[in-house]
């Protein structure tokens, strides 16, 4: 994947807009991500927190296929305690 330089959350469009080193841009539909991975209120809250506070990390996890694993670690505390 090309190097991700910057991201910003566009509240009006509910998208994370990413810019890559080669000049390409990409918009991530946050509603689609939330519908796919936000199965619990805690997961939806975590996705919202990421959007507002760490859009670059949000984009990296979505594009890298790591968002589901991240949410399982940060939002499913019962699952962590069982391990």
N, C-alpha and C. Protein backbone atom coordinates (compact mmCIF):
# COMPACT_ATOMS: atom_id res chain seq x y z
N UNK A 1 0.85 -1.18 0.00
CA UNK A 1 0.00 0.00 0.00
C UNK A 1 0.90 1.24 0.00
N UNK A 2 0.49 2.24 -0.70
CA UNK A 2 1.19 3.50 -0.76
C UNK A 2 1.16 4.18 0.60
N UNK A 3 2.17 4.97 0.92
CA UNK A 3 2.26 5.62 2.22
C UNK A 3 1.13 6.63 2.43
N UNK A 4 0.44 6.47 3.54
CA UNK A 4 -0.66 7.35 3.93
C UNK A 4 -0.06 8.57 4.62
N UNK A 5 -0.29 9.75 4.05
CA UNK A 5 0.30 10.98 4.59
C UNK A 5 -0.58 11.67 5.62
N UNK A 6 -1.86 11.82 5.29
CA UNK A 6 -2.74 12.56 6.18
C UNK A 6 -4.18 12.11 6.03
N UNK A 7 -4.93 12.38 7.07
CA UNK A 7 -6.36 12.07 7.06
C UNK A 7 -7.09 13.15 7.83
N UNK A 8 -8.33 13.33 7.48
CA UNK A 8 -9.20 14.21 8.27
C UNK A 8 -10.60 13.66 8.20
N UNK A 9 -11.33 13.85 9.28
CA UNK A 9 -12.71 13.41 9.32
C UNK A 9 -13.58 14.54 8.81
N UNK A 10 -14.37 14.28 7.78
CA UNK A 10 -15.32 15.24 7.23
C UNK A 10 -16.68 14.92 7.84
N UNK A 11 -17.06 15.69 8.84
CA UNK A 11 -18.30 15.46 9.56
C UNK A 11 -19.53 15.62 8.66
N UNK A 12 -19.47 16.56 7.72
CA UNK A 12 -20.62 16.81 6.85
C UNK A 12 -20.93 15.61 5.95
N UNK A 13 -19.90 14.92 5.49
CA UNK A 13 -20.08 13.77 4.61
C UNK A 13 -19.97 12.44 5.35
N UNK A 14 -19.58 12.49 6.62
CA UNK A 14 -19.34 11.31 7.45
C UNK A 14 -18.35 10.37 6.75
N UNK A 15 -17.22 10.96 6.37
CA UNK A 15 -16.16 10.21 5.70
C UNK A 15 -14.81 10.63 6.24
N UNK A 16 -13.88 9.68 6.25
CA UNK A 16 -12.48 10.00 6.52
C UNK A 16 -11.83 10.16 5.16
N UNK A 17 -11.23 11.31 4.94
CA UNK A 17 -10.58 11.61 3.67
C UNK A 17 -9.08 11.44 3.85
N UNK A 18 -8.51 10.52 3.09
CA UNK A 18 -7.10 10.17 3.22
C UNK A 18 -6.33 10.64 1.99
N UNK A 19 -5.11 11.09 2.23
CA UNK A 19 -4.21 11.51 1.15
C UNK A 19 -2.93 10.69 1.23
N UNK A 20 -2.52 10.16 0.10
CA UNK A 20 -1.34 9.30 0.02
C UNK A 20 -0.15 10.04 -0.59
N UNK A 21 1.03 9.48 -0.39
CA UNK A 21 2.27 10.09 -0.85
C UNK A 21 2.28 10.36 -2.35
N UNK A 22 1.67 9.47 -3.13
CA UNK A 22 1.67 9.66 -4.58
C UNK A 22 0.62 10.66 -5.07
N UNK A 23 -0.10 11.28 -4.14
CA UNK A 23 -1.10 12.30 -4.50
C UNK A 23 -2.52 11.79 -4.61
N UNK A 24 -2.71 10.49 -4.56
CA UNK A 24 -4.07 9.97 -4.63
C UNK A 24 -4.81 10.25 -3.33
N UNK A 25 -6.11 10.32 -3.44
CA UNK A 25 -6.96 10.53 -2.28
C UNK A 25 -8.02 9.43 -2.24
N UNK A 26 -8.53 9.20 -1.05
CA UNK A 26 -9.52 8.16 -0.83
C UNK A 26 -10.47 8.63 0.26
N UNK A 27 -11.74 8.37 0.09
CA UNK A 27 -12.73 8.69 1.12
C UNK A 27 -13.30 7.38 1.67
N UNK A 28 -13.23 7.22 2.98
CA UNK A 28 -13.75 6.02 3.64
C UNK A 28 -15.13 6.35 4.19
N UNK A 29 -16.13 5.61 3.77
CA UNK A 29 -17.51 5.80 4.21
C UNK A 29 -17.65 5.24 5.64
N UNK A 30 -17.75 6.13 6.61
CA UNK A 30 -17.78 5.71 8.01
C UNK A 30 -19.07 5.00 8.38
N UNK A 31 -20.16 5.30 7.71
CA UNK A 31 -21.42 4.60 7.97
C UNK A 31 -21.28 3.14 7.57
N UNK A 32 -20.65 2.88 6.44
CA UNK A 32 -20.45 1.50 5.99
C UNK A 32 -19.55 0.74 6.96
N UNK A 33 -18.51 1.38 7.46
CA UNK A 33 -17.61 0.73 8.42
C UNK A 33 -18.37 0.43 9.70
N UNK A 34 -19.13 1.39 10.18
CA UNK A 34 -19.90 1.19 11.41
C UNK A 34 -20.94 0.09 11.24
N UNK A 35 -21.60 0.05 10.10
CA UNK A 35 -22.59 -1.01 9.84
C UNK A 35 -21.94 -2.39 9.80
N UNK A 36 -20.71 -2.46 9.29
CA UNK A 36 -20.02 -3.73 9.16
C UNK A 36 -19.42 -4.21 10.48
N UNK A 37 -18.82 -3.28 11.24
CA UNK A 37 -18.04 -3.69 12.41
C UNK A 37 -18.59 -3.23 13.75
N UNK A 38 -19.48 -2.26 13.76
CA UNK A 38 -20.01 -1.74 15.02
C UNK A 38 -21.20 -2.53 15.51
N UNK A 39 -20.93 -3.73 16.01
CA UNK A 39 -22.01 -4.63 16.42
C UNK A 39 -22.57 -4.33 17.80
N UNK A 40 -21.83 -3.62 18.62
CA UNK A 40 -22.29 -3.29 19.97
C UNK A 40 -22.20 -1.78 20.17
N UNK A 41 -22.90 -1.25 21.16
CA UNK A 41 -22.76 0.19 21.45
C UNK A 41 -21.32 0.58 21.78
N UNK A 42 -20.59 -0.29 22.47
CA UNK A 42 -19.20 0.01 22.81
C UNK A 42 -18.34 0.10 21.54
N UNK A 43 -18.56 -0.78 20.59
CA UNK A 43 -17.80 -0.75 19.35
C UNK A 43 -18.12 0.51 18.55
N UNK A 44 -19.39 0.88 18.50
CA UNK A 44 -19.78 2.09 17.78
C UNK A 44 -19.17 3.33 18.44
N UNK A 45 -19.16 3.34 19.77
CA UNK A 45 -18.56 4.46 20.49
C UNK A 45 -17.05 4.53 20.22
N UNK A 46 -16.39 3.40 20.17
CA UNK A 46 -14.95 3.37 19.89
C UNK A 46 -14.68 3.86 18.47
N UNK A 47 -15.49 3.46 17.51
CA UNK A 47 -15.32 3.95 16.14
C UNK A 47 -15.50 5.46 16.09
N UNK A 48 -16.49 5.98 16.78
CA UNK A 48 -16.71 7.43 16.82
C UNK A 48 -15.52 8.15 17.45
N UNK A 49 -15.00 7.58 18.55
CA UNK A 49 -13.85 8.20 19.21
C UNK A 49 -12.66 8.26 18.26
N UNK A 50 -12.41 7.18 17.55
CA UNK A 50 -11.31 7.16 16.59
C UNK A 50 -11.49 8.21 15.50
N UNK A 51 -12.71 8.33 15.00
CA UNK A 51 -12.98 9.32 13.95
C UNK A 51 -12.62 10.72 14.38
N UNK A 52 -13.03 11.10 15.57
CA UNK A 52 -12.82 12.45 16.06
C UNK A 52 -11.39 12.70 16.54
N UNK A 53 -10.75 11.70 17.10
CA UNK A 53 -9.46 11.89 17.75
C UNK A 53 -8.26 11.35 16.99
N UNK A 54 -8.45 10.28 16.21
CA UNK A 54 -7.32 9.66 15.51
C UNK A 54 -7.74 9.17 14.12
N UNK A 55 -8.11 10.10 13.24
CA UNK A 55 -8.57 9.67 11.91
C UNK A 55 -7.50 8.95 11.10
N UNK A 56 -6.22 9.30 11.30
CA UNK A 56 -5.16 8.61 10.57
C UNK A 56 -5.08 7.14 10.98
N UNK A 57 -5.13 6.88 12.28
CA UNK A 57 -5.09 5.50 12.76
C UNK A 57 -6.33 4.73 12.33
N UNK A 58 -7.47 5.41 12.33
CA UNK A 58 -8.73 4.81 11.87
C UNK A 58 -8.55 4.34 10.42
N UNK A 59 -8.07 5.24 9.57
CA UNK A 59 -7.89 4.90 8.16
C UNK A 59 -6.89 3.77 7.98
N UNK A 60 -5.79 3.80 8.71
CA UNK A 60 -4.79 2.74 8.60
C UNK A 60 -5.37 1.39 8.98
N UNK A 61 -6.18 1.35 10.04
CA UNK A 61 -6.77 0.08 10.46
C UNK A 61 -7.82 -0.42 9.48
N UNK A 62 -8.64 0.49 8.96
CA UNK A 62 -9.66 0.09 7.99
C UNK A 62 -9.00 -0.43 6.72
N UNK A 63 -8.05 0.32 6.20
CA UNK A 63 -7.39 -0.06 4.95
C UNK A 63 -6.52 -1.30 5.11
N UNK A 64 -5.98 -1.51 6.30
CA UNK A 64 -5.13 -2.66 6.56
C UNK A 64 -5.89 -3.89 7.02
N UNK A 65 -7.22 -3.78 7.14
CA UNK A 65 -8.03 -4.91 7.57
C UNK A 65 -7.89 -5.25 9.04
N UNK A 66 -7.49 -4.28 9.86
CA UNK A 66 -7.23 -4.52 11.27
C UNK A 66 -8.34 -4.00 12.19
N UNK A 67 -9.35 -3.36 11.66
CA UNK A 67 -10.35 -2.71 12.51
C UNK A 67 -11.14 -3.71 13.34
N UNK A 68 -11.47 -4.85 12.77
CA UNK A 68 -12.23 -5.86 13.52
C UNK A 68 -11.41 -6.37 14.71
N UNK A 69 -10.15 -6.64 14.49
CA UNK A 69 -9.28 -7.11 15.57
C UNK A 69 -9.14 -6.04 16.65
N UNK A 70 -8.93 -4.79 16.24
CA UNK A 70 -8.82 -3.68 17.19
C UNK A 70 -10.07 -3.57 18.05
N UNK A 71 -11.23 -3.63 17.43
CA UNK A 71 -12.48 -3.51 18.18
C UNK A 71 -12.67 -4.68 19.14
N UNK A 72 -12.24 -5.87 18.74
CA UNK A 72 -12.38 -7.01 19.64
C UNK A 72 -11.49 -6.85 20.86
N UNK A 73 -10.35 -6.21 20.72
CA UNK A 73 -9.45 -6.00 21.85
C UNK A 73 -9.89 -4.86 22.75
N UNK A 74 -10.39 -3.79 22.15
CA UNK A 74 -10.70 -2.61 22.95
C UNK A 74 -12.12 -2.58 23.47
N UNK A 75 -13.02 -3.35 22.89
CA UNK A 75 -14.43 -3.24 23.25
C UNK A 75 -15.03 -4.50 23.85
N UNK A 76 -14.38 -5.61 23.70
CA UNK A 76 -14.95 -6.86 24.19
C UNK A 76 -14.14 -7.34 25.40
N UNK A 77 -14.29 -6.62 26.52
CA UNK A 77 -13.47 -6.88 27.68
C UNK A 77 -13.69 -8.27 28.25
N UNK A 78 -14.88 -8.80 28.16
CA UNK A 78 -15.13 -10.14 28.63
C UNK A 78 -14.32 -11.15 27.87
N UNK A 79 -14.17 -10.94 26.59
CA UNK A 79 -13.39 -11.85 25.74
C UNK A 79 -11.92 -11.83 26.16
N UNK A 80 -11.38 -10.67 26.50
CA UNK A 80 -10.00 -10.58 26.92
C UNK A 80 -9.76 -11.31 28.24
N UNK A 81 -10.71 -11.21 29.16
CA UNK A 81 -10.55 -11.83 30.46
C UNK A 81 -10.58 -13.36 30.36
N UNK A 82 -11.28 -13.89 29.36
CA UNK A 82 -11.38 -15.34 29.19
C UNK A 82 -10.08 -15.94 28.69
N UNK A 83 -9.23 -15.18 28.04
CA UNK A 83 -8.01 -15.70 27.43
C UNK A 83 -6.96 -16.02 28.44
